Amino acid sequence: VEAGCVFSTPTCGPCLGGHMGILAKGERALAT
């Protein structure tokens, strides 16, 4: 949090384009 991150509840979330981190057109993400 102090570094400026969002620390979330456990969830698959954005991994499958679900929620809590969806990308817009032209955006670029690096993911684990």
All heavy atoms as atom14 arrays in JSON, in Angstrom:
{
  "sequence": "VEAGCVFSTPTCGPCLGGHMGILAKGERALAT",
  "atom14_mask": [
    [1, 1, 1, 1, 1, 1, 1, 0, 0, 0, 0, 0, 0, 0],
    [1, 1, 1, 1, 1, 1, 1, 1, 1, 0, 0, 0, 0, 0],
    [1, 1, 1, 1, 1, 0, 0, 0, 0, 0, 0, 0, 0, 0],
    [1, 1, 1, 1, 0, 0, 0, 0, 0, 0, 0, 0, 0, 0],
    [1, 1, 1, 1, 1, 1, 0, 0, 0, 0, 0, 0, 0, 0],
    [1, 1, 1, 1, 1, 1, 1, 0, 0, 0, 0, 0, 0, 0],
    [1, 1, 1, 1, 1, 1, 1, 1, 1, 1, 1, 0, 0, 0],
    [1, 1, 1, 1, 1, 1, 0, 0, 0, 0, 0, 0, 0, 0],
    [1, 1, 1, 1, 1, 1, 1, 0, 0, 0, 0, 0, 0, 0],
    [1, 1, 1, 1, 1, 1, 1, 0, 0, 0, 0, 0, 0, 0],
    [1, 1, 1, 1, 1, 1, 1, 0, 0, 0, 0, 0, 0, 0],
    [1, 1, 1, 1, 1, 1, 0, 0, 0, 0, 0, 0, 0, 0],
    [1, 1, 1, 1, 0, 0, 0, 0, 0, 0, 0, 0, 0, 0],
    [1, 1, 1, 1, 1, 1, 1, 0, 0, 0, 0, 0, 0, 0],
    [1, 1, 1, 1, 1, 1, 0, 0, 0, 0, 0, 0, 0, 0],
    [1, 1, 1, 1, 1, 1, 1, 1, 0, 0, 0, 0, 0, 0],
    [1, 1, 1, 1, 0, 0, 0, 0, 0, 0, 0, 0, 0, 0],
    [1, 1, 1, 1, 0, 0, 0, 0, 0, 0, 0, 0, 0, 0],
    [1, 1, 1, 1, 1, 1, 1, 1, 1, 1, 0, 0, 0, 0],
    [1, 1, 1, 1, 1, 1, 1, 1, 0, 0, 0, 0, 0, 0],
    [1, 1, 1, 1, 0, 0, 0, 0, 0, 0, 0, 0, 0, 0],
    [1, 1, 1, 1, 1, 1, 1, 1, 0, 0, 0, 0, 0, 0],
    [1, 1, 1, 1, 1, 1, 1, 1, 0, 0, 0, 0, 0, 0],
    [1, 1, 1, 1, 1, 0, 0, 0, 0, 0, 0, 0, 0, 0],
    [1, 1, 1, 1, 1, 1, 1, 1, 1, 0, 0, 0, 0, 0],
    [1, 1, 1, 1, 0, 0, 0, 0, 0, 0, 0, 0, 0, 0],
    [1, 1, 1, 1, 1, 1, 1, 1, 1, 0, 0, 0, 0, 0],
    [1, 1, 1, 1, 1, 1, 1, 1, 1, 1, 1, 0, 0, 0],
    [1, 1, 1, 1, 1, 0, 0, 0, 0, 0, 0, 0, 0, 0],
    [1, 1, 1, 1, 1, 1, 1, 1, 0, 0, 0, 0, 0, 0],
    [1, 1, 1, 1, 1, 0, 0, 0, 0, 0, 0, 0, 0, 0],
    [1, 1, 1, 1, 1, 1, 1, 0, 0, 0, 0, 0, 0, 0]
  ],
  "atom14_positions": [
    [[0.84, -1.21, 0.0], [0.0, 0.0, 0.0], [0.87, 1.26, 0.0], [0.6, 2.22, -0.73], [-0.96, -0.02, 1.2], [-1.71, 1.31, 1.32], [-1.96, -1.17, 1.07], [0.0, 0.0, 0.0], [0.0, 0.0, 0.0], [0.0, 0.0, 0.0], [0.0, 0.0, 0.0], [0.0, 0.0, 0.0], [0.0, 0.0, 0.0], [0.0, 0.0, 0.0]],
    [[1.92, 1.26, 0.79], [2.82, 2.42, 0.84], [3.53, 2.65, -0.5], [3.88, 3.77, -0.84], [3.85, 2.25, 1.96], [3.24, 2.4, 3.35], [4.24, 2.15, 4.47], [5.35, 1.64, 4.17], [3.9, 2.44, 5.64], [0.0, 0.0, 0.0], [0.0, 0.0, 0.0], [0.0, 0.0, 0.0], [0.0, 0.0, 0.0], [0.0, 0.0, 0.0]],
    [[3.72, 1.58, -1.26], [4.36, 1.71, -2.57], [3.38, 2.19, -3.64], [3.8, 2.53, -4.75], [4.95, 0.37, -2.99], [0.0, 0.0, 0.0], [0.0, 0.0, 0.0], [0.0, 0.0, 0.0], [0.0, 0.0, 0.0], [0.0, 0.0, 0.0], [0.0, 0.0, 0.0], [0.0, 0.0, 0.0], [0.0, 0.0, 0.0], [0.0, 0.0, 0.0]],
    [[2.09, 2.22, -3.29], [1.09, 2.69, -4.25], [0.37, 1.57, -4.97], [-0.26, 1.8, -6.01], [0.0, 0.0, 0.0], [0.0, 0.0, 0.0], [0.0, 0.0, 0.0], [0.0, 0.0, 0.0], [0.0, 0.0, 0.0], [0.0, 0.0, 0.0], [0.0, 0.0, 0.0], [0.0, 0.0, 0.0], [0.0, 0.0, 0.0], [0.0, 0.0, 0.0]],
    [[0.43, 0.35, -4.42], [-0.27, -0.79, -5.01], [-1.67, -0.93, -4.44], [-1.97, -0.42, -3.36], [0.49, -2.09, -4.72], [2.22, -2.11, -5.2], [0.0, 0.0, 0.0], [0.0, 0.0, 0.0], [0.0, 0.0, 0.0], [0.0, 0.0, 0.0], [0.0, 0.0, 0.0], [0.0, 0.0, 0.0], [0.0, 0.0, 0.0], [0.0, 0.0, 0.0]],
    [[-2.51, -1.66, -5.12], [-3.78, -2.11, -4.59], [-3.56, -3.52, -4.05], [-3.05, -4.38, -4.77], [-4.87, -2.14, -5.68], [-6.13, -2.83, -5.16], [-5.19, -0.73, -6.15], [0.0, 0.0, 0.0], [0.0, 0.0, 0.0], [0.0, 0.0, 0.0], [0.0, 0.0, 0.0], [0.0, 0.0, 0.0], [0.0, 0.0, 0.0], [0.0, 0.0, 0.0]],
    [[-3.91, -3.76, -2.79], [-3.77, -5.08, -2.19], [-5.17, -5.66, -2.05], [-5.99, -5.17, -1.27], [-3.07, -4.99, -0.83], [-2.78, -6.33, -0.21], [-1.98, -7.25, -0.86], [-3.32, -6.66, 1.02], [-1.72, -8.49, -0.28], [-3.06, -7.89, 1.61], [-2.26, -8.8, 0.95], [0.0, 0.0, 0.0], [0.0, 0.0, 0.0], [0.0, 0.0, 0.0]],
    [[-5.45, -6.71, -2.84], [-6.82, -7.18, -3.0], [-7.14, -8.43, -2.19], [-6.25, -9.19, -1.8], [-7.05, -7.49, -4.49], [-8.23, -8.25, -4.68], [0.0, 0.0, 0.0], [0.0, 0.0, 0.0], [0.0, 0.0, 0.0], [0.0, 0.0, 0.0], [0.0, 0.0, 0.0], [0.0, 0.0, 0.0], [0.0, 0.0, 0.0], [0.0, 0.0, 0.0]],
    [[-8.43, -8.67, -2.01], [-8.9, -9.95, -1.52], [-8.51, -11.04, -2.51], [-8.35, -10.76, -3.7], [-10.44, -9.91, -1.35], [-10.89, -11.14, -0.79], [-11.13, -9.75, -2.69], [0.0, 0.0, 0.0], [0.0, 0.0, 0.0], [0.0, 0.0, 0.0], [0.0, 0.0, 0.0], [0.0, 0.0, 0.0], [0.0, 0.0, 0.0], [0.0, 0.0, 0.0]],
    [[-8.36, -12.29, -2.05], [-8.06, -13.37, -2.99], [-9.17, -13.54, -4.03], [-10.35, -13.66, -3.67], [-7.98, -14.61, -2.1], [-7.67, -14.08, -0.73], [-8.37, -12.77, -0.65], [0.0, 0.0, 0.0], [0.0, 0.0, 0.0], [0.0, 0.0, 0.0], [0.0, 0.0, 0.0], [0.0, 0.0, 0.0], [0.0, 0.0, 0.0], [0.0, 0.0, 0.0]],
    [[-8.81, -13.53, -5.28], [-9.76, -13.74, -6.38], [-8.98, -13.93, -7.67], [-7.85, -13.45, -7.78], [-10.73, -12.55, -6.53], [-11.57, -12.77, -7.67], [-10.0, -11.25, -6.74], [0.0, 0.0, 0.0], [0.0, 0.0, 0.0], [0.0, 0.0, 0.0], [0.0, 0.0, 0.0], [0.0, 0.0, 0.0], [0.0, 0.0, 0.0], [0.0, 0.0, 0.0]],
    [[-9.6, -14.61, -8.63], [-8.97, -14.74, -9.94], [-8.97, -13.39, -10.66], [-8.08, -13.11, -11.46], [-9.7, -15.78, -10.79], [-9.58, -17.45, -10.12], [0.0, 0.0, 0.0], [0.0, 0.0, 0.0], [0.0, 0.0, 0.0], [0.0, 0.0, 0.0], [0.0, 0.0, 0.0], [0.0, 0.0, 0.0], [0.0, 0.0, 0.0], [0.0, 0.0, 0.0]],
    [[-9.99, -12.58, -10.39], [-10.03, -11.2, -10.86], [-9.67, -10.97, -12.31], [-10.31, -11.48, -13.22], [0.0, 0.0, 0.0], [0.0, 0.0, 0.0], [0.0, 0.0, 0.0], [0.0, 0.0, 0.0], [0.0, 0.0, 0.0], [0.0, 0.0, 0.0], [0.0, 0.0, 0.0], [0.0, 0.0, 0.0], [0.0, 0.0, 0.0], [0.0, 0.0, 0.0]],
    [[-8.59, -10.21, -12.55], [-8.26, -9.81, -13.91], [-7.62, -10.89, -14.77], [-7.55, -10.75, -15.98], [-7.27, -8.67, -13.69], [-6.59, -9.01, -12.41], [-7.67, -9.63, -11.57], [0.0, 0.0, 0.0], [0.0, 0.0, 0.0], [0.0, 0.0, 0.0], [0.0, 0.0, 0.0], [0.0, 0.0, 0.0], [0.0, 0.0, 0.0], [0.0, 0.0, 0.0]],
    [[-7.17, -11.99, -14.15], [-6.42, -13.02, -14.9], [-7.18, -13.47, -16.14], [-6.6, -13.62, -17.21], [-6.11, -14.21, -14.0], [-5.35, -15.59, -14.85], [0.0, 0.0, 0.0], [0.0, 0.0, 0.0], [0.0, 0.0, 0.0], [0.0, 0.0, 0.0], [0.0, 0.0, 0.0], [0.0, 0.0, 0.0], [0.0, 0.0, 0.0], [0.0, 0.0, 0.0]],
    [[-8.49, -13.67, -15.99], [-9.31, -14.14, -17.1], [-10.19, -13.01, -17.66], [-11.18, -13.27, -18.33], [-10.21, -15.3, -16.64], [-11.34, -14.94, -15.67], [-12.45, -15.98, -15.77], [-10.87, -14.78, -14.26], [0.0, 0.0, 0.0], [0.0, 0.0, 0.0], [0.0, 0.0, 0.0], [0.0, 0.0, 0.0], [0.0, 0.0, 0.0], [0.0, 0.0, 0.0]],
    [[-9.8, -11.76, -17.38], [-10.64, -10.65, -17.81], [-11.92, -10.6, -17.03], [-12.97, -10.2, -17.55], [0.0, 0.0, 0.0], [0.0, 0.0, 0.0], [0.0, 0.0, 0.0], [0.0, 0.0, 0.0], [0.0, 0.0, 0.0], [0.0, 0.0, 0.0], [0.0, 0.0, 0.0], [0.0, 0.0, 0.0], [0.0, 0.0, 0.0], [0.0, 0.0, 0.0]],
    [[-11.88, -11.02, -15.77], [-13.08, -11.1, -14.94], [-13.5, -9.77, -14.35], [-14.52, -9.2, -14.72], [0.0, 0.0, 0.0], [0.0, 0.0, 0.0], [0.0, 0.0, 0.0], [0.0, 0.0, 0.0], [0.0, 0.0, 0.0], [0.0, 0.0, 0.0], [0.0, 0.0, 0.0], [0.0, 0.0, 0.0], [0.0, 0.0, 0.0], [0.0, 0.0, 0.0]],
    [[-12.69, -9.24, -13.44], [-12.99, -7.96, -12.81], [-11.76, -7.49, -12.05], [-10.74, -8.17, -12.0], [-14.21, -8.06, -11.88], [-14.04, -9.0, -10.72], [-14.56, -8.75, -9.47], [-13.43, -10.21, -10.6], [-14.28, -9.75, -8.64], [-13.58, -10.65, -9.31], [0.0, 0.0, 0.0], [0.0, 0.0, 0.0], [0.0, 0.0, 0.0], [0.0, 0.0, 0.0]],
    [[-11.84, -6.3, -11.48], [-10.79, -5.75, -10.63], [-9.43, -5.63, -11.34], [-8.4, -5.99, -10.8], [-10.66, -6.57, -9.34], [-11.91, -6.55, -8.49], [-11.8, -7.57, -7.01], [-10.67, -6.61, -6.02], [0.0, 0.0, 0.0], [0.0, 0.0, 0.0], [0.0, 0.0, 0.0], [0.0, 0.0, 0.0], [0.0, 0.0, 0.0], [0.0, 0.0, 0.0]],
    [[-9.46, -5.12, -12.56], [-8.21, -4.92, -13.27], [-8.29, -5.15, -14.77], [-7.31, -5.54, -15.41], [0.0, 0.0, 0.0], [0.0, 0.0, 0.0], [0.0, 0.0, 0.0], [0.0, 0.0, 0.0], [0.0, 0.0, 0.0], [0.0, 0.0, 0.0], [0.0, 0.0, 0.0], [0.0, 0.0, 0.0], [0.0, 0.0, 0.0], [0.0, 0.0, 0.0]],
    [[-9.44, -4.88, -15.35], [-9.65, -5.1, -16.78], [-8.9, -4.04, -17.58], [-8.85, -2.86, -17.21], [-11.16, -5.03, -17.11], [-11.94, -6.01, -16.26], [-11.4, -5.3, -18.6], [-11.48, -7.42, -16.36], [0.0, 0.0, 0.0], [0.0, 0.0, 0.0], [0.0, 0.0, 0.0], [0.0, 0.0, 0.0], [0.0, 0.0, 0.0], [0.0, 0.0, 0.0]],
    [[-8.34, -4.45, -18.71], [-7.58, -3.54, -19.56], [-8.47, -2.89, -20.62], [-9.35, -3.54, -21.19], [-6.45, -4.29, -20.26], [-5.37, -4.92, -19.37], [-4.36, -5.67, -20.22], [-4.67, -3.84, -18.54], [0.0, 0.0, 0.0], [0.0, 0.0, 0.0], [0.0, 0.0, 0.0], [0.0, 0.0, 0.0], [0.0, 0.0, 0.0], [0.0, 0.0, 0.0]],
    [[-8.21, -1.63, -20.89], [-8.9, -0.91, -21.95], [-8.15, -1.08, -23.28], [-7.04, -1.62, -23.33], [-8.98, 0.58, -21.6], [0.0, 0.0, 0.0], [0.0, 0.0, 0.0], [0.0, 0.0, 0.0], [0.0, 0.0, 0.0], [0.0, 0.0, 0.0], [0.0, 0.0, 0.0], [0.0, 0.0, 0.0], [0.0, 0.0, 0.0], [0.0, 0.0, 0.0]],
    [[-8.73, -0.62, -24.34], [-8.13, -0.69, -25.66], [-6.76, -0.01, -25.66], [-6.6, 1.1, -25.15], [-9.03, 0.0, -26.68], [-8.49, -0.02, -28.11], [-9.47, 0.64, -29.06], [-8.93, 0.65, -30.49], [-9.9, 1.27, -31.43], [0.0, 0.0, 0.0], [0.0, 0.0, 0.0], [0.0, 0.0, 0.0], [0.0, 0.0, 0.0], [0.0, 0.0, 0.0]],
    [[-5.77, -0.7, -26.17], [-4.43, -0.13, -26.3], [-3.58, -0.21, -25.05], [-2.41, 0.15, -25.08], [0.0, 0.0, 0.0], [0.0, 0.0, 0.0], [0.0, 0.0, 0.0], [0.0, 0.0, 0.0], [0.0, 0.0, 0.0], [0.0, 0.0, 0.0], [0.0, 0.0, 0.0], [0.0, 0.0, 0.0], [0.0, 0.0, 0.0], [0.0, 0.0, 0.0]],
    [[-4.15, -0.7, -23.93], [-3.36, -0.78, -22.69], [-2.5, -2.04, -22.67], [-2.79, -3.04, -23.33], [-4.28, -0.74, -21.47], [-4.89, 0.63, -21.24], [-5.5, 0.75, -19.86], [-6.26, -0.16, -19.45], [-5.25, 1.77, -19.18], [0.0, 0.0, 0.0], [0.0, 0.0, 0.0], [0.0, 0.0, 0.0], [0.0, 0.0, 0.0], [0.0, 0.0, 0.0]],
    [[-1.46, -1.97, -21.85], [-0.45, -3.03, -21.79], [-0.22, -3.4, -20.32], [-0.01, -2.54, -19.49], [0.83, -2.54, -22.43], [1.95, -3.55, -22.52], [3.16, -2.9, -23.16], [2.97, -2.71, -24.59], [3.49, -1.69, -25.28], [4.21, -0.77, -24.67], [3.3, -1.61, -26.57], [0.0, 0.0, 0.0], [0.0, 0.0, 0.0], [0.0, 0.0, 0.0]],
    [[-0.26, -4.71, -20.04], [-0.04, -5.19, -18.68], [1.07, -6.23, -18.64], [1.26, -7.0, -19.57], [-1.32, -5.8, -18.11], [0.0, 0.0, 0.0], [0.0, 0.0, 0.0], [0.0, 0.0, 0.0], [0.0, 0.0, 0.0], [0.0, 0.0, 0.0], [0.0, 0.0, 0.0], [0.0, 0.0, 0.0], [0.0, 0.0, 0.0], [0.0, 0.0, 0.0]],
    [[1.79, -6.23, -17.53], [2.72, -7.31, -17.21], [2.11, -8.05, -16.03], [1.75, -7.42, -15.03], [4.09, -6.74, -16.83], [5.15, -7.77, -16.42], [5.53, -8.65, -17.61], [6.39, -7.07, -15.86], [0.0, 0.0, 0.0], [0.0, 0.0, 0.0], [0.0, 0.0, 0.0], [0.0, 0.0, 0.0], [0.0, 0.0, 0.0], [0.0, 0.0, 0.0]],
    [[1.97, -9.37, -16.14], [1.25, -10.13, -15.12], [1.98, -11.42, -14.78], [2.66, -12.01, -15.62], [-0.16, -10.45, -15.6], [0.0, 0.0, 0.0], [0.0, 0.0, 0.0], [0.0, 0.0, 0.0], [0.0, 0.0, 0.0], [0.0, 0.0, 0.0], [0.0, 0.0, 0.0], [0.0, 0.0, 0.0], [0.0, 0.0, 0.0], [0.0, 0.0, 0.0]],
    [[1.82, -11.85, -13.54], [2.39, -13.13, -13.1], [1.39, -14.26, -13.32], [1.52, -15.33, -12.74], [2.8, -13.08, -11.62], [1.62, -12.94, -10.82], [3.75, -11.94, -11.35], [0.0, 0.0, 0.0], [0.0, 0.0, 0.0], [0.0, 0.0, 0.0], [0.0, 0.0, 0.0], [0.0, 0.0, 0.0], [0.0, 0.0, 0.0], [0.0, 0.0, 0.0]]
  ]
}
